[in-house]
Amino acid sequence: MELGIGITVISLVFTLGIIVVVFRMVSGSMGDKATLQNGVPGSAIVMSLAPTGTVINDLYYVCSIGLRVQRPAQAPYDVMIKQSVPITAMARVNPGCTIGVKVDPTDQTKVVIDWQAPVLNTSN
């Protein structure tokens, strides 16, 4: 009886550990939460898009995305980010599209796509 309880406890701990690892992996690929909450809003032109081959739950594709970031009163600059893209938003990150971003106020190389930002006019 004690052996059965021990195996159950070990299985439960292992399962919880896997859940924590998967949760951290998924939440980390969505973009830096601190930058999304405290970042400076801006826009970016998608310069390149390359899937990494990682797919999360058949709903999110982790991609390397080249962006030309534009912030008010600053010169545009290029960055490469790795972020998961919801399958329903793939068309928003095609090269040439303009998207909303948030930029870390202390490190302009930390940029995340702000999926809550309104879709910007992409006509040039």
PDB file of N, CA and C in Angstrom:
ATOM      1  N   MET A   1       0.826  -1.190   0.000  1.00  0.00           N
ATOM      2  CA  MET A   1       0.000   0.000   0.000  1.00  0.00           C
ATOM      3  C   MET A   1       0.873   1.258   0.000  1.00  0.00           C
ATOM      4  N   GLU A   2       1.925   1.289   0.861  1.00  0.00           N
ATOM      5  CA  GLU A   2       2.802   2.448   0.925  1.00  0.00           C
ATOM      6  C   GLU A   2       3.545   2.657  -0.392  1.00  0.00           C
ATOM      7  N   LEU A   3       3.908   1.578  -1.064  1.00  0.00           N
ATOM      8  CA  LEU A   3       4.594   1.685  -2.345  1.00  0.00           C
ATOM      9  C   LEU A   3       3.691   2.342  -3.383  1.00  0.00           C
ATOM     10  N   GLY A   4       2.422   1.975  -3.382  1.00  0.00           N
ATOM     11  CA  GLY A   4       1.463   2.562  -4.318  1.00  0.00           C
ATOM     12  C   GLY A   4       1.291   4.053  -4.091  1.00  0.00           C
ATOM     13  N   ILE A   5       1.243   4.494  -2.840  1.00  0.00           N
ATOM     14  CA  ILE A   5       1.108   5.922  -2.517  1.00  0.00           C
ATOM     15  C   ILE A   5       2.370   6.663  -2.934  1.00  0.00           C
ATOM     16  N   GLY A   6       3.528   6.067  -2.696  1.00  0.00           N
ATOM     17  CA  GLY A   6       4.793   6.693  -3.092  1.00  0.00           C
ATOM     18  C   GLY A   6       4.882   6.892  -4.596  1.00  0.00           C
ATOM     19  N   ILE A   7       4.475   5.890  -5.352  1.00  0.00           N
ATOM     20  CA  ILE A   7       4.499   6.004  -6.817  1.00  0.00           C
ATOM     21  C   ILE A   7       3.519   7.077  -7.273  1.00  0.00           C
ATOM     22  N   THR A   8       2.355   7.140  -6.654  1.00  0.00           N
ATOM     23  CA  THR A   8       1.364   8.160  -7.004  1.00  0.00           C
ATOM     24  C   THR A   8       1.906   9.561  -6.738  1.00  0.00           C
ATOM     25  N   VAL A   9       2.557   9.750  -5.599  1.00  0.00           N
ATOM     26  CA  VAL A   9       3.127  11.056  -5.254  1.00  0.00           C
ATOM     27  C   VAL A   9       4.223  11.430  -6.245  1.00  0.00           C
ATOM     28  N   ILE A  10       5.091  10.494  -6.568  1.00  0.00           N
ATOM     29  CA  ILE A  10       6.165  10.769  -7.533  1.00  0.00           C
ATOM     30  C   ILE A  10       5.578  11.118  -8.902  1.00  0.00           C
ATOM     31  N   SER A  11       4.563  10.389  -9.325  1.00  0.00           N
ATOM     32  CA  SER A  11       3.910  10.678 -10.607  1.00  0.00           C
ATOM     33  C   SER A  11       3.285  12.062 -10.601  1.00  0.00           C
ATOM     34  N   LEU A  12       2.651  12.442  -9.510  1.00  0.00           N
ATOM     35  CA  LEU A  12       2.022  13.753  -9.396  1.00  0.00           C
ATOM     36  C   LEU A  12       3.056  14.866  -9.454  1.00  0.00           C
ATOM     37  N   VAL A  13       4.153  14.711  -8.734  1.00  0.00           N
ATOM     38  CA  VAL A  13       5.227  15.710  -8.748  1.00  0.00           C
ATOM     39  C   VAL A  13       5.823  15.828 -10.142  1.00  0.00           C
ATOM     40  N   PHE A  14       6.055  14.701 -10.797  1.00  0.00           N
ATOM     41  CA  PHE A  14       6.602  14.716 -12.162  1.00  0.00           C
ATOM     42  C   PHE A  14       5.650  15.437 -13.120  1.00  0.00           C
ATOM     43  N   THR A  15       4.362  15.143 -13.034  1.00  0.00           N
ATOM     44  CA  THR A  15       3.366  15.774 -13.906  1.00  0.00           C
ATOM     45  C   THR A  15       3.309  17.277 -13.669  1.00  0.00           C
ATOM     46  N   LEU A  16       3.315  17.701 -12.418  1.00  0.00           N
ATOM     47  CA  LEU A  16       3.305  19.130 -12.116  1.00  0.00           C
ATOM     48  C   LEU A  16       4.566  19.815 -12.640  1.00  0.00           C
ATOM     49  N   GLY A  17       5.700  19.137 -12.531  1.00  0.00           N
ATOM     50  CA  GLY A  17       6.943  19.687 -13.071  1.00  0.00           C
ATOM     51  C   GLY A  17       6.868  19.896 -14.577  1.00  0.00           C
ATOM     52  N   ILE A  18       6.311  18.926 -15.281  1.00  0.00           N
ATOM     53  CA  ILE A  18       6.149  19.051 -16.741  1.00  0.00           C
ATOM     54  C   ILE A  18       5.223  20.211 -17.068  1.00  0.00           C
ATOM     55  N   ILE A  19       4.142  20.353 -16.330  1.00  0.00           N
ATOM     56  CA  ILE A  19       3.199  21.452 -16.572  1.00  0.00           C
ATOM     57  C   ILE A  19       3.875  22.799 -16.377  1.00  0.00           C
ATOM     58  N   VAL A  20       4.678  22.945 -15.339  1.00  0.00           N
ATOM     59  CA  VAL A  20       5.388  24.199 -15.089  1.00  0.00           C
ATOM     60  C   VAL A  20       6.362  24.505 -16.219  1.00  0.00           C
ATOM     61  N   VAL A  21       7.112  23.510 -16.668  1.00  0.00           N
ATOM     62  CA  VAL A  21       8.074  23.720 -17.756  1.00  0.00           C
ATOM     63  C   VAL A  21       7.361  24.143 -19.038  1.00  0.00           C
ATOM     64  N   VAL A  22       6.279  23.476 -19.391  1.00  0.00           N
ATOM     65  CA  VAL A  22       5.535  23.824 -20.605  1.00  0.00           C
ATOM     66  C   VAL A  22       4.941  25.225 -20.478  1.00  0.00           C
ATOM     67  N   PHE A  23       4.382  25.555 -19.325  1.00  0.00           N
ATOM     68  CA  PHE A  23       3.808  26.885 -19.122  1.00  0.00           C
ATOM     69  C   PHE A  23       4.859  27.969 -19.298  1.00  0.00           C
ATOM     70  N   ARG A  24       6.029  27.780 -18.708  1.00  0.00           N
ATOM     71  CA  ARG A  24       7.100  28.777 -18.847  1.00  0.00           C
ATOM     72  C   ARG A  24       7.570  28.895 -20.287  1.00  0.00           C
ATOM     73  N   MET A  25       7.638  27.767 -20.986  1.00  0.00           N
ATOM     74  CA  MET A  25       8.068  27.789 -22.386  1.00  0.00           C
ATOM     75  C   MET A  25       7.067  28.567 -23.237  1.00  0.00           C
ATOM     76  N   VAL A  26       5.789  28.301 -23.037  1.00  0.00           N
ATOM     77  CA  VAL A  26       4.748  28.971 -23.821  1.00  0.00           C
ATOM     78  C   VAL A  26       4.681  30.445 -23.470  1.00  0.00           C
ATOM     79  N   SER A  27       4.669  30.786 -22.192  1.00  0.00           N
ATOM     80  CA  SER A  27       4.541  32.193 -21.819  1.00  0.00           C
ATOM     81  C   SER A  27       5.780  32.989 -22.225  1.00  0.00           C
ATOM     82  N   GLY A  28       6.943  32.383 -22.187  1.00  0.00           N
ATOM     83  CA  GLY A  28       8.155  33.075 -22.593  1.00  0.00           C
ATOM     84  C   GLY A  28       8.198  33.359 -24.082  1.00  0.00           C
ATOM     85  N   SER A  29       7.601  32.519 -24.869  1.00  0.00           N
ATOM     86  CA  SER A  29       7.633  32.723 -26.319  1.00  0.00           C
ATOM     87  C   SER A  29       6.584  33.715 -26.782  1.00  0.00           C
ATOM     88  N   MET A  30       5.688  34.126 -25.905  1.00  0.00           N
ATOM     89  CA  MET A  30       4.656  35.091 -26.260  1.00  0.00           C
ATOM     90  C   MET A  30       5.191  36.513 -26.210  1.00  0.00           C
ATOM     91  N   GLY A  31       6.342  36.702 -25.680  1.00  0.00           N
ATOM     92  CA  GLY A  31       6.910  38.033 -25.534  1.00  0.00           C
ATOM     93  C   GLY A  31       7.130  38.331 -24.062  1.00  0.00           C
ATOM     94  N   ASP A  32       8.057  39.203 -23.802  1.00  0.00           N
ATOM     95  CA  ASP A  32       8.410  39.579 -22.439  1.00  0.00           C
ATOM     96  C   ASP A  32       7.251  40.328 -21.794  1.00  0.00           C
ATOM     97  N   LYS A  33       6.702  39.756 -20.714  1.00  0.00           N
ATOM     98  CA  LYS A  33       5.547  40.363 -20.051  1.00  0.00           C
ATOM     99  C   LYS A  33       5.860  41.758 -19.525  1.00  0.00           C
ATOM    100  N   ALA A  34       7.043  41.950 -18.961  1.00  0.00           N
ATOM    101  CA  ALA A  34       7.409  43.264 -18.423  1.00  0.00           C
ATOM    102  C   ALA A  34       7.447  44.310 -19.531  1.00  0.00           C
ATOM    103  N   THR A  35       7.982  43.940 -20.677  1.00  0.00           N
ATOM    104  CA  THR A  35       8.037  44.883 -21.797  1.00  0.00           C
ATOM    105  C   THR A  35       6.633  45.171 -22.313  1.00  0.00           C
ATOM    106  N   LEU A  36       5.775  44.166 -22.356  1.00  0.00           N
ATOM    107  CA  LEU A  36       4.400  44.407 -22.795  1.00  0.00           C
ATOM    108  C   LEU A  36       3.672  45.352 -21.840  1.00  0.00           C
ATOM    109  N   GLN A  37       3.919  45.223 -20.552  1.00  0.00           N
ATOM    110  CA  GLN A  37       3.230  46.065 -19.572  1.00  0.00           C
ATOM    111  C   GLN A  37       3.838  47.457 -19.461  1.00  0.00           C
ATOM    112  N   ASN A  38       5.160  47.553 -19.503  1.00  0.00           N
ATOM    113  CA  ASN A  38       5.833  48.824 -19.218  1.00  0.00           C
ATOM    114  C   ASN A  38       6.549  49.425 -20.415  1.00  0.00           C
ATOM    115  N   GLY A  39       6.494  48.751 -21.543  1.00  0.00           N
ATOM    116  CA  GLY A  39       7.241  49.213 -22.707  1.00  0.00           C
ATOM    117  C   GLY A  39       6.661  50.452 -23.350  1.00  0.00           C
ATOM    118  N   VAL A  40       7.499  51.084 -24.138  1.00  0.00           N
ATOM    119  CA  VAL A  40       7.103  52.272 -24.885  1.00  0.00           C
ATOM    120  C   VAL A  40       6.434  51.813 -26.182  1.00  0.00           C
ATOM    121  N   PRO A  41       5.210  52.285 -26.452  1.00  0.00           N
ATOM    122  CA  PRO A  41       4.537  51.868 -27.686  1.00  0.00           C
ATOM    123  C   PRO A  41       5.254  52.417 -28.922  1.00  0.00           C
ATOM    124  N   GLY A  42       5.214  51.648 -29.956  1.00  0.00           N
ATOM    125  CA  GLY A  42       5.772  52.063 -31.232  1.00  0.00           C
ATOM    126  C   GLY A  42       5.158  51.233 -32.330  1.00  0.00           C
ATOM    127  N   SER A  43       5.717  51.351 -33.505  1.00  0.00           N
ATOM    128  CA  SER A  43       5.279  50.525 -34.626  1.00  0.00           C
ATOM    129  C   SER A  43       6.527  49.938 -35.274  1.00  0.00           C
ATOM    130  N   ALA A  44       6.318  48.927 -36.078  1.00  0.00           N
ATOM    131  CA  ALA A  44       7.450  48.299 -36.756  1.00  0.00           C
ATOM    132  C   ALA A  44       6.987  47.747 -38.095  1.00  0.00           C
ATOM    133  N   ILE A  45       7.860  47.834 -39.054  1.00  0.00           N
ATOM    134  CA  ILE A  45       7.631  47.202 -40.351  1.00  0.00           C
ATOM    135  C   ILE A  45       8.292  45.835 -40.297  1.00  0.00           C
ATOM    136  N   VAL A  46       7.556  44.812 -40.666  1.00  0.00           N
ATOM    137  CA  VAL A  46       8.117  43.465 -40.696  1.00  0.00           C
ATOM    138  C   VAL A  46       9.036  43.372 -41.912  1.00  0.00           C
ATOM    139  N   MET A  47      10.311  43.099 -41.656  1.00  0.00           N
ATOM    140  CA  MET A  47      11.300  42.999 -42.725  1.00  0.00           C
ATOM    141  C   MET A  47      11.518  41.549 -43.158  1.00  0.00           C
ATOM    142  N   SER A  48      11.384  40.606 -42.199  1.00  0.00           N
ATOM    143  CA  SER A  48      11.575  39.195 -42.521  1.00  0.00           C
ATOM    144  C   SER A  48      10.799  38.346 -41.529  1.00  0.00           C
ATOM    145  N   LEU A  49      10.476  37.140 -41.969  1.00  0.00           N
ATOM    146  CA  LEU A  49       9.746  36.189 -41.134  1.00  0.00           C
ATOM    147  C   LEU A  49      10.255  34.802 -41.467  1.00  0.00           C
ATOM    148  N   ALA A  50      10.707  34.083 -40.441  1.00  0.00           N
ATOM    149  CA  ALA A  50      11.209  32.726 -40.641  1.00  0.00           C
ATOM    150  C   ALA A  50      10.743  31.845 -39.493  1.00  0.00           C
ATOM    151  N   PRO A  51       9.879  30.861 -39.761  1.00  0.00           N
ATOM    152  CA  PRO A  51       9.479  29.933 -38.698  1.00  0.00           C
ATOM    153  C   PRO A  51      10.694  29.156 -38.198  1.00  0.00           C
ATOM    154  N   THR A  52      10.741  28.930 -36.886  1.00  0.00           N
ATOM    155  CA  THR A  52      11.859  28.189 -36.300  1.00  0.00           C
ATOM    156  C   THR A  52      11.631  26.680 -36.366  1.00  0.00           C
ATOM    157  N   GLY A  53      10.393  26.279 -36.649  1.00  0.00           N
ATOM    158  CA  GLY A  53      10.047  24.864 -36.649  1.00  0.00           C
ATOM    159  C   GLY A  53       9.348  24.436 -35.369  1.00  0.00           C
ATOM    160  N   THR A  54       9.323  25.326 -34.371  1.00  0.00           N
ATOM    161  CA  THR A  54       8.636  25.015 -33.118  1.00  0.00           C
ATOM    162  C   THR A  54       7.176  25.439 -33.226  1.00  0.00           C
ATOM    163  N   VAL A  55       6.280  24.506 -32.925  1.00  0.00           N
ATOM    164  CA  VAL A  55       4.843  24.772 -32.949  1.00  0.00           C
ATOM    165  C   VAL A  55       4.304  24.396 -31.573  1.00  0.00           C
ATOM    166  N   ILE A  56       3.517  25.289 -30.995  1.00  0.00           N
ATOM    167  CA  ILE A  56       2.962  25.063 -29.661  1.00  0.00           C
ATOM    168  C   ILE A  56       1.464  24.802 -29.793  1.00  0.00           C
ATOM    169  N   ASN A  57       1.059  23.602 -29.418  1.00  0.00           N
ATOM    170  CA  ASN A  57      -0.358  23.203 -29.417  1.00  0.00           C
ATOM    171  C   ASN A  57      -1.055  23.428 -30.764  1.00  0.00           C
ATOM    172  N   ASP A  58      -0.332  23.346 -31.843  1.00  0.00           N
ATOM    173  CA  ASP A  58      -0.876  23.570 -33.188  1.00  0.00           C
ATOM    174  C   ASP A  58      -1.535  24.935 -33.339  1.00  0.00           C
ATOM    175  N   LEU A  59      -1.276  25.868 -32.432  1.00  0.00           N
ATOM    176  CA  LEU A  59      -1.900  27.187 -32.472  1.00  0.00           C
ATOM    177  C   LEU A  59      -0.905  28.331 -32.576  1.00  0.00           C
ATOM    178  N   TYR A  60       0.325  28.105 -32.141  1.00  0.00           N
ATOM    179  CA  TYR A  60       1.331  29.165 -32.114  1.00  0.00           C
ATOM    180  C   TYR A  60       2.593  28.687 -32.815  1.00  0.00           C
ATOM    181  N   TYR A  61       3.097  29.503 -33.727  1.00  0.00           N
ATOM    182  CA  TYR A  61       4.318  29.194 -34.453  1.00  0.00           C
ATOM    183  C   TYR A  61       5.411  30.138 -33.952  1.00  0.00           C
ATOM    184  N   VAL A  62       6.468  29.571 -33.402  1.00  0.00           N
ATOM    185  CA  VAL A  62       7.583  30.390 -32.949  1.00  0.00           C
ATOM    186  C   VAL A  62       8.385  30.782 -34.189  1.00  0.00           C
ATOM    187  N   CYS A  63       8.592  32.094 -34.340  1.00  0.00           N
ATOM    188  CA  CYS A  63       9.244  32.612 -35.550  1.00  0.00           C
ATOM    189  C   CYS A  63      10.363  33.580 -35.184  1.00  0.00           C
ATOM    190  N   SER A  64      11.351  33.651 -36.058  1.00  0.00           N
ATOM    191  CA  SER A  64      12.344  34.724 -36.008  1.00  0.00           C
ATOM    192  C   SER A  64      11.803  35.826 -36.911  1.00  0.00           C
ATOM    193  N   ILE A  65      11.688  37.019 -36.354  1.00  0.00           N
ATOM    194  CA  ILE A  65      11.043  38.114 -37.075  1.00  0.00           C
ATOM    195  C   ILE A  65      11.995  39.305 -37.108  1.00  0.00           C
ATOM    196  N   GLY A  66      12.296  39.762 -38.296  1.00  0.00           N
ATOM    197  CA  GLY A  66      13.102  40.969 -38.462  1.00  0.00           C
ATOM    198  C   GLY A  66      12.181  42.174 -38.501  1.00  0.00           C
ATOM    199  N   LEU A  67      12.450  43.159 -37.662  1.00  0.00           N
ATOM    200  CA  LEU A  67      11.597  44.342 -37.572  1.00  0.00           C
ATOM    201  C   LEU A  67      12.399  45.621 -37.774  1.00  0.00           C
ATOM    202  N   ARG A  68      11.790  46.606 -38.401  1.00  0.00           N
ATOM    203  CA  ARG A  68      12.332  47.973 -38.452  1.00  0.00           C
ATOM    204  C   ARG A  68      11.446  48.801 -37.523  1.00  0.00           C
ATOM    205  N   VAL A  69      11.948  49.060 -36.330  1.00  0.00           N
ATOM    206  CA  VAL A  69      11.179  49.716 -35.281  1.00  0.00           C
ATOM    207  C   VAL A  69      11.160  51.220 -35.500  1.00  0.00           C
ATOM    208  N   GLN A  70       9.967  51.799 -35.308  1.00  0.00           N
ATOM    209  CA  GLN A  70       9.789  53.239 -35.455  1.00  0.00           C
ATOM    210  C   GLN A  70       9.128  53.771 -34.183  1.00  0.00           C
ATOM    211  N   ARG A  71       9.827  54.705 -33.531  1.00  0.00           N
ATOM    212  CA  ARG A  71       9.280  55.358 -32.341  1.00  0.00           C
ATOM    213  C   ARG A  71       9.296  56.852 -32.572  1.00  0.00           C
ATOM    214  N   PRO A  72       8.340  57.576 -31.986  1.00  0.00           N
ATOM    215  CA  PRO A  72       8.288  59.027 -32.191  1.00  0.00           C
ATOM    216  C   PRO A  72       9.606  59.703 -31.821  1.00  0.00           C
ATOM    217  N   ALA A  73      10.020  60.620 -32.645  1.00  0.00           N
ATOM    218  CA  ALA A  73      11.215  61.445 -32.425  1.00  0.00           C
ATOM    219  C   ALA A  73      12.510  60.640 -32.373  1.00  0.00           C
ATOM    220  N   GLN A  74      12.518  59.439 -32.962  1.00  0.00           N
ATOM    221  CA  GLN A  74      13.742  58.636 -33.010  1.00  0.00           C
ATOM    222  C   GLN A  74      13.914  58.067 -34.419  1.00  0.00           C
ATOM    223  N   ALA A  75      15.147  57.847 -34.779  1.00  0.00           N
ATOM    224  CA  ALA A  75      15.428  57.238 -36.081  1.00  0.00           C
ATOM    225  C   ALA A  75      15.013  55.764 -36.050  1.00  0.00           C
ATOM    226  N   PRO A  76      14.482  55.239 -37.157  1.00  0.00           N
ATOM    227  CA  PRO A  76      14.143  53.812 -37.202  1.00  0.00           C
ATOM    228  C   PRO A  76      15.397  52.954 -37.042  1.00  0.00           C
ATOM    229  N   TYR A  77      15.231  51.774 -36.473  1.00  0.00           N
ATOM    230  CA  TYR A  77      16.354  50.848 -36.312  1.00  0.00           C
ATOM    231  C   TYR A  77      15.840  49.421 -36.469  1.00  0.00           C
ATOM    232  N   ASP A  78      16.738  48.510 -36.837  1.00  0.00           N
ATOM    233  CA  ASP A  78      16.375  47.120 -37.101  1.00  0.00           C
ATOM    234  C   ASP A  78      16.728  46.227 -35.911  1.00  0.00           C
ATOM    235  N   VAL A  79      15.848  45.264 -35.635  1.00  0.00           N
ATOM    236  CA  VAL A  79      16.095  44.247 -34.613  1.00  0.00           C
ATOM    237  C   VAL A  79      15.577  42.909 -35.124  1.00  0.00           C
ATOM    238  N   MET A  80      16.120  41.835 -34.562  1.00  0.00           N
ATOM    239  CA  MET A  80      15.602  40.480 -34.790  1.00  0.00           C
ATOM    240  C   MET A  80      15.050  39.994 -33.475  1.00  0.00           C
ATOM    241  N   ILE A  81      13.817  39.479 -33.504  1.00  0.00           N
ATOM    242  CA  ILE A  81      13.221  38.928 -32.297  1.00  0.00           C
ATOM    243  C   ILE A  81      12.760  37.505 -32.579  1.00  0.00           C
ATOM    244  N   LYS A  82      12.559  36.746 -31.517  1.00  0.00           N
ATOM    245  CA  LYS A  82      11.962  35.422 -31.622  1.00  0.00           C
ATOM    246  C   LYS A  82      10.717  35.459 -30.758  1.00  0.00           C
ATOM    247  N   GLN A  83       9.569  35.250 -31.376  1.00  0.00           N
ATOM    248  CA  GLN A  83       8.310  35.332 -30.648  1.00  0.00           C
ATOM    249  C   GLN A  83       7.316  34.377 -31.275  1.00  0.00           C
ATOM    250  N   SER A  84       6.404  33.862 -30.457  1.00  0.00           N
ATOM    251  CA  SER A  84       5.369  32.996 -31.012  1.00  0.00           C
ATOM    252  C   SER A  84       4.296  33.856 -31.660  1.00  0.00           C
ATOM    253  N   VAL A  85       3.764  33.333 -32.746  1.00  0.00           N
ATOM    254  CA  VAL A  85       2.738  34.041 -33.512  1.00  0.00           C
ATOM    255  C   VAL A  85       1.494  33.159 -33.544  1.00  0.00           C
ATOM    256  N   PRO A  86       0.361  33.683 -33.061  1.00  0.00           N
ATOM    257  CA  PRO A  86      -0.863  32.890 -33.160  1.00  0.00           C
ATOM    258  C   PRO A  86      -1.168  32.600 -34.626  1.00  0.00           C
ATOM    259  N   ILE A  87      -1.635  31.395 -34.912  1.00  0.00           N
ATOM    260  CA  ILE A  87      -1.917  31.026 -36.297  1.00  0.00           C
ATOM    261  C   ILE A  87      -2.905  32.000 -36.932  1.00  0.00           C
ATOM    262  N   THR A  88      -3.800  32.561 -36.113  1.00  0.00           N
ATOM    263  CA  THR A  88      -4.789  33.509 -36.627  1.00  0.00           C
ATOM    264  C   THR A  88      -4.185  34.872 -36.947  1.00  0.00           C
ATOM    265  N   ALA A  89      -2.944  35.118 -36.527  1.00  0.00           N
ATOM    266  CA  ALA A  89      -2.298  36.409 -36.759  1.00  0.00           C
ATOM    267  C   ALA A  89      -1.136  36.321 -37.734  1.00  0.00           C
ATOM    268  N   MET A  90      -0.941  35.170 -38.368  1.00  0.00           N
ATOM    269  CA  MET A  90       0.204  35.023 -39.278  1.00  0.00           C
ATOM    270  C   MET A  90       0.202  36.071 -40.391  1.00  0.00           C
ATOM    271  N   ALA A  91      -0.964  36.433 -40.896  1.00  0.00           N
ATOM    272  CA  ALA A  91      -1.031  37.423 -41.972  1.00  0.00           C
ATOM    273  C   ALA A  91      -0.571  38.802 -41.506  1.00  0.00           C
ATOM    274  N   ARG A  92      -0.634  39.057 -40.209  1.00  0.00           N
ATOM    275  CA  ARG A  92      -0.217  40.358 -39.673  1.00  0.00           C
ATOM    276  C   ARG A  92       1.295  40.533 -39.666  1.00  0.00           C
ATOM    277  N   VAL A  93       2.051  39.434 -39.796  1.00  0.00           N
ATOM    278  CA  VAL A  93       3.511  39.538 -39.730  1.00  0.00           C
ATOM    279  C   VAL A  93       4.184  39.190 -41.055  1.00  0.00           C
ATOM    280  N   ASN A  94       3.452  39.297 -42.131  1.00  0.00           N
ATOM    281  CA  ASN A  94       4.082  39.113 -43.439  1.00  0.00           C
ATOM    282  C   ASN A  94       5.033  40.271 -43.692  1.00  0.00           C
ATOM    283  N   PRO A  95       6.164  40.011 -44.330  1.00  0.00           N
ATOM    284  CA  PRO A  95       7.084  41.105 -44.648  1.00  0.00           C
ATOM    285  C   PRO A  95       6.364  42.235 -45.375  1.00  0.00           C
ATOM    286  N   GLY A  96       6.643  43.464 -44.917  1.00  0.00           N
ATOM    287  CA  GLY A  96       6.009  44.654 -45.471  1.00  0.00           C
ATOM    288  C   GLY A  96       4.858  45.170 -44.618  1.00  0.00           C
ATOM    289  N   CYS A  97       4.323  44.330 -43.743  1.00  0.00           N
ATOM    290  CA  CYS A  97       3.224  44.751 -42.876  1.00  0.00           C
ATOM    291  C   CYS A  97       3.744  45.616 -41.734  1.00  0.00           C
ATOM    292  N   THR A  98       2.893  46.506 -41.246  1.00  0.00           N
ATOM    293  CA  THR A  98       3.213  47.337 -40.097  1.00  0.00           C
ATOM    294  C   THR A  98       2.413  46.833 -38.904  1.00  0.00           C
ATOM    295  N   ILE A  99       3.101  46.659 -37.770  1.00  0.00           N
ATOM    296  CA  ILE A  99       2.465  46.118 -36.571  1.00  0.00           C
ATOM    297  C   ILE A  99       2.793  46.989 -35.368  1.00  0.00           C
ATOM    298  N   GLY A 100       1.977  46.873 -34.328  1.00  0.00           N
ATOM    299  CA  GLY A 100       2.247  47.565 -33.079  1.00  0.00           C
ATOM    300  C   GLY A 100       3.255  46.788 -32.257  1.00  0.00           C
ATOM    301  N   VAL A 101       4.155  47.496 -31.601  1.00  0.00           N
ATOM    302  CA  VAL A 101       5.169  46.862 -30.753  1.00  0.00           C
ATOM    303  C   VAL A 101       5.293  47.638 -29.455  1.00  0.00           C
ATOM    304  N   LYS A 102       5.943  47.002 -28.493  1.00  0.00           N
ATOM    305  CA  LYS A 102       6.352  47.670 -27.261  1.00  0.00           C
ATOM    306  C   LYS A 102       7.864  47.495 -27.157  1.00  0.00           C
ATOM    307  N   VAL A 103       8.540  48.574 -26.733  1.00  0.00           N
ATOM    308  CA  VAL A 103       9.999  48.588 -26.640  1.00  0.00           C
ATOM    309  C   VAL A 103      10.391  48.820 -25.186  1.00  0.00           C
ATOM    310  N   ASP A 104      11.326  48.019 -24.697  1.00  0.00           N
ATOM    311  CA  ASP A 104      11.839  48.184 -23.340  1.00  0.00           C
ATOM    312  C   ASP A 104      12.441  49.581 -23.214  1.00  0.00           C
ATOM    313  N   PRO A 105      12.029  50.359 -22.209  1.00  0.00           N
ATOM    314  CA  PRO A 105      12.524  51.733 -22.097  1.00  0.00           C
ATOM    315  C   PRO A 105      14.023  51.841 -21.795  1.00  0.00           C
ATOM    316  N   THR A 106      14.647  50.768 -21.305  1.00  0.00           N
ATOM    317  CA  THR A 106      16.078  50.834 -20.985  1.00  0.00           C
ATOM    318  C   THR A 106      16.953  50.078 -21.981  1.00  0.00           C
ATOM    319  N   ASP A 107      16.335  49.281 -22.853  1.00  0.00           N
ATOM    320  CA  ASP A 107      17.096  48.497 -23.828  1.00  0.00           C
ATOM    321  C   ASP A 107      16.277  48.391 -25.112  1.00  0.00           C
ATOM    322  N   GLN A 108      16.581  49.236 -26.069  1.00  0.00           N
ATOM    323  CA  GLN A 108      15.764  49.300 -27.288  1.00  0.00           C
ATOM    324  C   GLN A 108      15.863  48.046 -28.153  1.00  0.00           C
ATOM    325  N   THR A 109      16.763  47.124 -27.814  1.00  0.00           N
ATOM    326  CA  THR A 109      16.826  45.871 -28.572  1.00  0.00           C
ATOM    327  C   THR A 109      15.775  44.871 -28.087  1.00  0.00           C
ATOM    328  N   LYS A 110      15.178  45.123 -26.927  1.00  0.00           N
ATOM    329  CA  LYS A 110      14.106  44.258 -26.414  1.00  0.00           C
ATOM    330  C   LYS A 110      12.779  44.783 -26.930  1.00  0.00           C
ATOM    331  N   VAL A 111      12.279  44.114 -27.947  1.00  0.00           N
ATOM    332  CA  VAL A 111      11.045  44.529 -28.614  1.00  0.00           C
ATOM    333  C   VAL A 111      10.111  43.334 -28.648  1.00  0.00           C
ATOM    334  N   VAL A 112       8.834  43.563 -28.362  1.00  0.00           N
ATOM    335  CA  VAL A 112       7.835  42.512 -28.468  1.00  0.00           C
ATOM    336  C   VAL A 112       6.660  43.019 -29.289  1.00  0.00           C
ATOM    337  N   ILE A 113       6.058  42.111 -30.020  1.00  0.00           N
ATOM    338  CA  ILE A 113       4.858  42.464 -30.776  1.00  0.00           C
ATOM    339  C   ILE A 113       3.709  42.589 -29.799  1.00  0.00           C
ATOM    340  N   ASP A 114       2.962  43.668 -29.923  1.00  0.00           N
ATOM    341  CA  ASP A 114       1.796  43.913 -29.074  1.00  0.00           C
ATOM    342  C   ASP A 114       0.560  43.485 -29.854  1.00  0.00           C
ATOM    343  N   TRP A 115       0.105  42.250 -29.611  1.00  0.00           N
ATOM    344  CA  TRP A 115      -1.038  41.720 -30.354  1.00  0.00           C
ATOM    345  C   TRP A 115      -2.327  42.460 -30.014  1.00  0.00           C
ATOM    346  N   GLN A 116      -2.349  43.201 -28.902  1.00  0.00           N
ATOM    347  CA  GLN A 116      -3.537  43.953 -28.513  1.00  0.00           C
ATOM    348  C   GLN A 116      -3.608  45.313 -29.204  1.00  0.00           C
ATOM    349  N   ALA A 117      -2.506  45.751 -29.807  1.00  0.00           N
ATOM    350  CA  ALA A 117      -2.499  47.034 -30.513  1.00  0.00           C
ATOM    351  C   ALA A 117      -3.395  46.934 -31.741  1.00  0.00           C
ATOM    352  N   PRO A 118      -4.045  48.027 -32.089  1.00  0.00           N
ATOM    353  CA  PRO A 118      -4.903  47.984 -33.272  1.00  0.00           C
ATOM    354  C   PRO A 118      -4.094  47.659 -34.533  1.00  0.00           C
ATOM    355  N   VAL A 119      -4.728  47.002 -35.470  1.00  0.00           N
ATOM    356  CA  VAL A 119      -4.078  46.694 -36.738  1.00  0.00           C
ATOM    357  C   VAL A 119      -3.841  48.030 -37.452  1.00  0.00           C
ATOM    358  N   LEU A 120      -2.592  48.245 -37.839  1.00  0.00           N
ATOM    359  CA  LEU A 120      -2.220  49.502 -38.458  1.00  0.00           C
ATOM    360  C   LEU A 120      -2.375  49.436 -39.969  1.00  0.00           C
ATOM    361  N   ASN A 121      -2.584  50.577 -40.567  1.00  0.00           N
ATOM    362  CA  ASN A 121      -2.710  50.647 -42.020  1.00  0.00           C
ATOM    363  C   ASN A 121      -1.391  50.216 -42.652  1.00  0.00           C
ATOM    364  N   THR A 122      -1.449  49.205 -43.523  1.00  0.00           N
ATOM    365  CA  THR A 122      -0.218  48.683 -44.114  1.00  0.00           C
ATOM    366  C   THR A 122      -0.017  49.157 -45.553  1.00  0.00           C
ATOM    367  N   SER A 123      -0.860  50.056 -46.023  1.00  0.00           N
ATOM    368  CA  SER A 123      -0.680  50.538 -47.398  1.00  0.00           C
ATOM    369  C   SER A 123       0.417  51.587 -47.414  1.00  0.00           C
ATOM    370  N   ASN A 124       1.304  51.475 -48.409  1.00  0.00           N
ATOM    371  CA  ASN A 124       2.419  52.426 -48.511  1.00  0.00           C
ATOM    372  C   ASN A 124       2.222  53.340 -49.678  1.00  0.00           C
TER     373      ASN A 124
END
